[in-house]
Amino acid sequence: MLEGNALTFDDLAIIQDKLEQSTLPFTVDIVLKHQTQSSEIITRIREEAKQVK
């Protein structure tokens, strides 16, 4: 989950493209927190997601 009110869908697309081109050995799903209306999704992400730094 990406946090930051200034992040746009264009930013998301750029980051997603870079991740798809990377050699990470796993799949990454990206969500813009400020665009997510479901508190259930945010809760599930916080409980189950792995943070990548």
PDB file of N, CA and C in Angstrom:
ATOM      1  N   MET A   1       0.858  -1.153   0.000  1.00  0.00           N
ATOM      2  CA  MET A   1       0.000   0.000   0.000  1.00  0.00           C
ATOM      3  C   MET A   1       0.908   1.220   0.000  1.00  0.00           C
ATOM      4  N   LEU A   2       0.681   2.100  -0.935  1.00  0.00           N
ATOM      5  CA  LEU A   2       1.438   3.342  -1.005  1.00  0.00           C
ATOM      6  C   LEU A   2       0.652   4.430  -0.301  1.00  0.00           C
ATOM      7  N   GLU A   3       1.343   5.183   0.533  1.00  0.00           N
ATOM      8  CA  GLU A   3       0.690   6.272   1.246  1.00  0.00           C
ATOM      9  C   GLU A   3       1.273   7.600   0.789  1.00  0.00           C
ATOM     10  N   GLY A   4       0.417   8.573   0.602  1.00  0.00           N
ATOM     11  CA  GLY A   4       0.839   9.904   0.189  1.00  0.00           C
ATOM     12  C   GLY A   4      -0.219  10.522  -0.693  1.00  0.00           C
ATOM     13  N   ASN A   5      -0.810  11.582  -0.239  1.00  0.00           N
ATOM     14  CA  ASN A   5      -1.913  12.201  -0.973  1.00  0.00           C
ATOM     15  C   ASN A   5      -1.498  12.743  -2.327  1.00  0.00           C
ATOM     16  N   ALA A   6      -0.213  12.991  -2.516  1.00  0.00           N
ATOM     17  CA  ALA A   6       0.253  13.542  -3.792  1.00  0.00           C
ATOM     18  C   ALA A   6       0.452  12.463  -4.854  1.00  0.00           C
ATOM     19  N   LEU A   7       0.416  11.188  -4.472  1.00  0.00           N
ATOM     20  CA  LEU A   7       0.592  10.108  -5.442  1.00  0.00           C
ATOM     21  C   LEU A   7      -0.621  10.023  -6.360  1.00  0.00           C
ATOM     22  N   THR A   8      -0.342   9.865  -7.637  1.00  0.00           N
ATOM     23  CA  THR A   8      -1.411   9.800  -8.636  1.00  0.00           C
ATOM     24  C   THR A   8      -1.435   8.415  -9.286  1.00  0.00           C
ATOM     25  N   PHE A   9      -2.444   8.197 -10.105  1.00  0.00           N
ATOM     26  CA  PHE A   9      -2.513   6.937 -10.844  1.00  0.00           C
ATOM     27  C   PHE A   9      -1.367   6.842 -11.848  1.00  0.00           C
ATOM     28  N   ASP A  10      -0.891   7.981 -12.345  1.00  0.00           N
ATOM     29  CA  ASP A  10       0.286   7.970 -13.226  1.00  0.00           C
ATOM     30  C   ASP A  10       1.511   7.477 -12.463  1.00  0.00           C
ATOM     31  N   ASP A  11       1.682   7.951 -11.215  1.00  0.00           N
ATOM     32  CA  ASP A  11       2.783   7.469 -10.374  1.00  0.00           C
ATOM     33  C   ASP A  11       2.668   5.965 -10.158  1.00  0.00           C
ATOM     34  N   LEU A  12       1.457   5.525  -9.885  1.00  0.00           N
ATOM     35  CA  LEU A  12       1.201   4.106  -9.675  1.00  0.00           C
ATOM     36  C   LEU A  12       1.593   3.295 -10.907  1.00  0.00           C
ATOM     37  N   ALA A  13       1.238   3.777 -12.083  1.00  0.00           N
ATOM     38  CA  ALA A  13       1.562   3.077 -13.327  1.00  0.00           C
ATOM     39  C   ALA A  13       3.070   2.987 -13.536  1.00  0.00           C
ATOM     40  N   ILE A  14       3.781   4.066 -13.243  1.00  0.00           N
ATOM     41  CA  ILE A  14       5.237   4.063 -13.388  1.00  0.00           C
ATOM     42  C   ILE A  14       5.871   3.064 -12.429  1.00  0.00           C
ATOM     43  N   ILE A  15       5.435   3.086 -11.173  1.00  0.00           N
ATOM     44  CA  ILE A  15       5.983   2.157 -10.176  1.00  0.00           C
ATOM     45  C   ILE A  15       5.661   0.721 -10.552  1.00  0.00           C
ATOM     46  N   GLN A  16       4.428   0.476 -10.970  1.00  0.00           N
ATOM     47  CA  GLN A  16       4.018  -0.868 -11.352  1.00  0.00           C
ATOM     48  C   GLN A  16       4.843  -1.370 -12.539  1.00  0.00           C
ATOM     49  N   ASP A  17       5.094  -0.514 -13.511  1.00  0.00           N
ATOM     50  CA  ASP A  17       5.904  -0.888 -14.664  1.00  0.00           C
ATOM     51  C   ASP A  17       7.329  -1.246 -14.232  1.00  0.00           C
ATOM     52  N   LYS A  18       7.911  -0.439 -13.361  1.00  0.00           N
ATOM     53  CA  LYS A  18       9.271  -0.712 -12.870  1.00  0.00           C
ATOM     54  C   LYS A  18       9.322  -2.039 -12.122  1.00  0.00           C
ATOM     55  N   LEU A  19       8.298  -2.320 -11.326  1.00  0.00           N
ATOM     56  CA  LEU A  19       8.269  -3.582 -10.587  1.00  0.00           C
ATOM     57  C   LEU A  19       8.141  -4.776 -11.528  1.00  0.00           C
ATOM     58  N   GLU A  20       7.330  -4.633 -12.569  1.00  0.00           N
ATOM     59  CA  GLU A  20       7.166  -5.715 -13.538  1.00  0.00           C
ATOM     60  C   GLU A  20       8.461  -6.003 -14.283  1.00  0.00           C
ATOM     61  N   GLN A  21       9.285  -4.979 -14.482  1.00  0.00           N
ATOM     62  CA  GLN A  21      10.562  -5.142 -15.166  1.00  0.00           C
ATOM     63  C   GLN A  21      11.674  -5.612 -14.230  1.00  0.00           C
ATOM     64  N   SER A  22      11.416  -5.591 -12.937  1.00  0.00           N
ATOM     65  CA  SER A  22      12.449  -5.955 -11.964  1.00  0.00           C
ATOM     66  C   SER A  22      12.635  -7.471 -11.908  1.00  0.00           C
ATOM     67  N   THR A  23      13.628  -7.873 -11.185  1.00  0.00           N
ATOM     68  CA  THR A  23      13.915  -9.305 -11.015  1.00  0.00           C
ATOM     69  C   THR A  23      13.455  -9.812  -9.649  1.00  0.00           C
ATOM     70  N   LEU A  24      12.504  -9.132  -9.058  1.00  0.00           N
ATOM     71  CA  LEU A  24      11.972  -9.591  -7.769  1.00  0.00           C
ATOM     72  C   LEU A  24      11.392 -10.994  -7.938  1.00  0.00           C
ATOM     73  N   PRO A  25      11.654 -11.870  -6.971  1.00  0.00           N
ATOM     74  CA  PRO A  25      11.173 -13.253  -7.097  1.00  0.00           C
ATOM     75  C   PRO A  25       9.733 -13.447  -6.624  1.00  0.00           C
ATOM     76  N   PHE A  26       8.960 -12.374  -6.586  1.00  0.00           N
ATOM     77  CA  PHE A  26       7.569 -12.466  -6.157  1.00  0.00           C
ATOM     78  C   PHE A  26       6.749 -11.389  -6.846  1.00  0.00           C
ATOM     79  N   THR A  27       5.438 -11.535  -6.785  1.00  0.00           N
ATOM     80  CA  THR A  27       4.514 -10.574  -7.388  1.00  0.00           C
ATOM     81  C   THR A  27       4.186  -9.490  -6.372  1.00  0.00           C
ATOM     82  N   VAL A  28       4.053  -8.260  -6.851  1.00  0.00           N
ATOM     83  CA  VAL A  28       3.736  -7.138  -5.975  1.00  0.00           C
ATOM     84  C   VAL A  28       2.430  -6.507  -6.436  1.00  0.00           C
ATOM     85  N   ASP A  29       1.492  -6.373  -5.524  1.00  0.00           N
ATOM     86  CA  ASP A  29       0.250  -5.648  -5.783  1.00  0.00           C
ATOM     87  C   ASP A  29       0.374  -4.283  -5.121  1.00  0.00           C
ATOM     88  N   ILE A  30      -0.042  -3.243  -5.812  1.00  0.00           N
ATOM     89  CA  ILE A  30       0.087  -1.887  -5.295  1.00  0.00           C
ATOM     90  C   ILE A  30      -1.295  -1.262  -5.155  1.00  0.00           C
ATOM     91  N   VAL A  31      -1.500  -0.585  -4.034  1.00  0.00           N
ATOM     92  CA  VAL A  31      -2.755   0.110  -3.768  1.00  0.00           C
ATOM     93  C   VAL A  31      -2.417   1.520  -3.292  1.00  0.00           C
ATOM     94  N   LEU A  32      -3.105   2.517  -3.828  1.00  0.00           N
ATOM     95  CA  LEU A  32      -2.978   3.877  -3.319  1.00  0.00           C
ATOM     96  C   LEU A  32      -3.953   4.028  -2.155  1.00  0.00           C
ATOM     97  N   LYS A  33      -3.419   4.195  -0.961  1.00  0.00           N
ATOM     98  CA  LYS A  33      -4.274   4.225   0.224  1.00  0.00           C
ATOM     99  C   LYS A  33      -5.345   5.312   0.149  1.00  0.00           C
ATOM    100  N   HIS A  34      -4.975   6.516  -0.270  1.00  0.00           N
ATOM    101  CA  HIS A  34      -5.941   7.610  -0.280  1.00  0.00           C
ATOM    102  C   HIS A  34      -7.026   7.433  -1.349  1.00  0.00           C
ATOM    103  N   GLN A  35      -6.845   6.489  -2.268  1.00  0.00           N
ATOM    104  CA  GLN A  35      -7.857   6.203  -3.285  1.00  0.00           C
ATOM    105  C   GLN A  35      -8.692   4.972  -2.925  1.00  0.00           C
ATOM    106  N   THR A  36      -8.351   4.328  -1.812  1.00  0.00           N
ATOM    107  CA  THR A  36      -9.050   3.115  -1.404  1.00  0.00           C
ATOM    108  C   THR A  36     -10.184   3.484  -0.456  1.00  0.00           C
ATOM    109  N   GLN A  37     -11.393   3.152  -0.841  1.00  0.00           N
ATOM    110  CA  GLN A  37     -12.554   3.527  -0.046  1.00  0.00           C
ATOM    111  C   GLN A  37     -12.947   2.453   0.959  1.00  0.00           C
ATOM    112  N   SER A  38     -12.439   1.245   0.789  1.00  0.00           N
ATOM    113  CA  SER A  38     -12.838   0.132   1.642  1.00  0.00           C
ATOM    114  C   SER A  38     -11.895  -0.017   2.835  1.00  0.00           C
ATOM    115  N   SER A  39     -12.419   0.205   4.020  1.00  0.00           N
ATOM    116  CA  SER A  39     -11.604   0.016   5.222  1.00  0.00           C
ATOM    117  C   SER A  39     -11.255  -1.460   5.404  1.00  0.00           C
ATOM    118  N   GLU A  40     -12.089  -2.351   4.859  1.00  0.00           N
ATOM    119  CA  GLU A  40     -11.804  -3.789   4.945  1.00  0.00           C
ATOM    120  C   GLU A  40     -10.539  -4.145   4.178  1.00  0.00           C
ATOM    121  N   ILE A  41     -10.356  -3.548   3.010  1.00  0.00           N
ATOM    122  CA  ILE A  41      -9.155  -3.809   2.215  1.00  0.00           C
ATOM    123  C   ILE A  41      -7.921  -3.291   2.948  1.00  0.00           C
ATOM    124  N   ILE A  42      -8.014  -2.082   3.491  1.00  0.00           N
ATOM    125  CA  ILE A  42      -6.877  -1.515   4.224  1.00  0.00           C
ATOM    126  C   ILE A  42      -6.527  -2.389   5.421  1.00  0.00           C
ATOM    127  N   THR A  43      -7.523  -2.851   6.152  1.00  0.00           N
ATOM    128  CA  THR A  43      -7.285  -3.720   7.308  1.00  0.00           C
ATOM    129  C   THR A  43      -6.629  -5.019   6.869  1.00  0.00           C
ATOM    130  N   ARG A  44      -7.117  -5.617   5.803  1.00  0.00           N
ATOM    131  CA  ARG A  44      -6.544  -6.874   5.327  1.00  0.00           C
ATOM    132  C   ARG A  44      -5.096  -6.694   4.876  1.00  0.00           C
ATOM    133  N   ILE A  45      -4.819  -5.598   4.201  1.00  0.00           N
ATOM    134  CA  ILE A  45      -3.448  -5.328   3.779  1.00  0.00           C
ATOM    135  C   ILE A  45      -2.548  -5.199   4.998  1.00  0.00           C
ATOM    136  N   ARG A  46      -2.977  -4.448   5.994  1.00  0.00           N
ATOM    137  CA  ARG A  46      -2.162  -4.261   7.205  1.00  0.00           C
ATOM    138  C   ARG A  46      -1.915  -5.590   7.920  1.00  0.00           C
ATOM    139  N   GLU A  47      -2.889  -6.477   7.910  1.00  0.00           N
ATOM    140  CA  GLU A  47      -2.764  -7.760   8.611  1.00  0.00           C
ATOM    141  C   GLU A  47      -1.928  -8.785   7.842  1.00  0.00           C
ATOM    142  N   GLU A  48      -2.036  -8.800   6.523  1.00  0.00           N
ATOM    143  CA  GLU A  48      -1.452  -9.885   5.745  1.00  0.00           C
ATOM    144  C   GLU A  48      -0.273  -9.512   4.862  1.00  0.00           C
ATOM    145  N   ALA A  49      -0.133  -8.252   4.527  1.00  0.00           N
ATOM    146  CA  ALA A  49       0.878  -7.839   3.559  1.00  0.00           C
ATOM    147  C   ALA A  49       2.286  -7.836   4.166  1.00  0.00           C
ATOM    148  N   LYS A  50       3.245  -7.999   3.306  1.00  0.00           N
ATOM    149  CA  LYS A  50       4.658  -7.908   3.674  1.00  0.00           C
ATOM    150  C   LYS A  50       5.171  -6.564   3.191  1.00  0.00           C
ATOM    151  N   GLN A  51       5.880  -5.865   4.036  1.00  0.00           N
ATOM    152  CA  GLN A  51       6.416  -4.560   3.673  1.00  0.00           C
ATOM    153  C   GLN A  51       7.746  -4.733   2.941  1.00  0.00           C
ATOM    154  N   VAL A  52       7.880  -4.026   1.843  1.00  0.00           N
ATOM    155  CA  VAL A  52       9.122  -4.041   1.064  1.00  0.00           C
ATOM    156  C   VAL A  52       9.707  -2.645   1.132  1.00  0.00           C
ATOM    157  N   LYS A  53      10.973  -2.589   1.523  1.00  0.00           N
ATOM    158  CA  LYS A  53      11.634  -1.270   1.635  1.00  0.00           C
ATOM    159  C   LYS A  53      12.719  -1.154   0.610  1.00  0.00           C
TER     160      LYS A  53
END
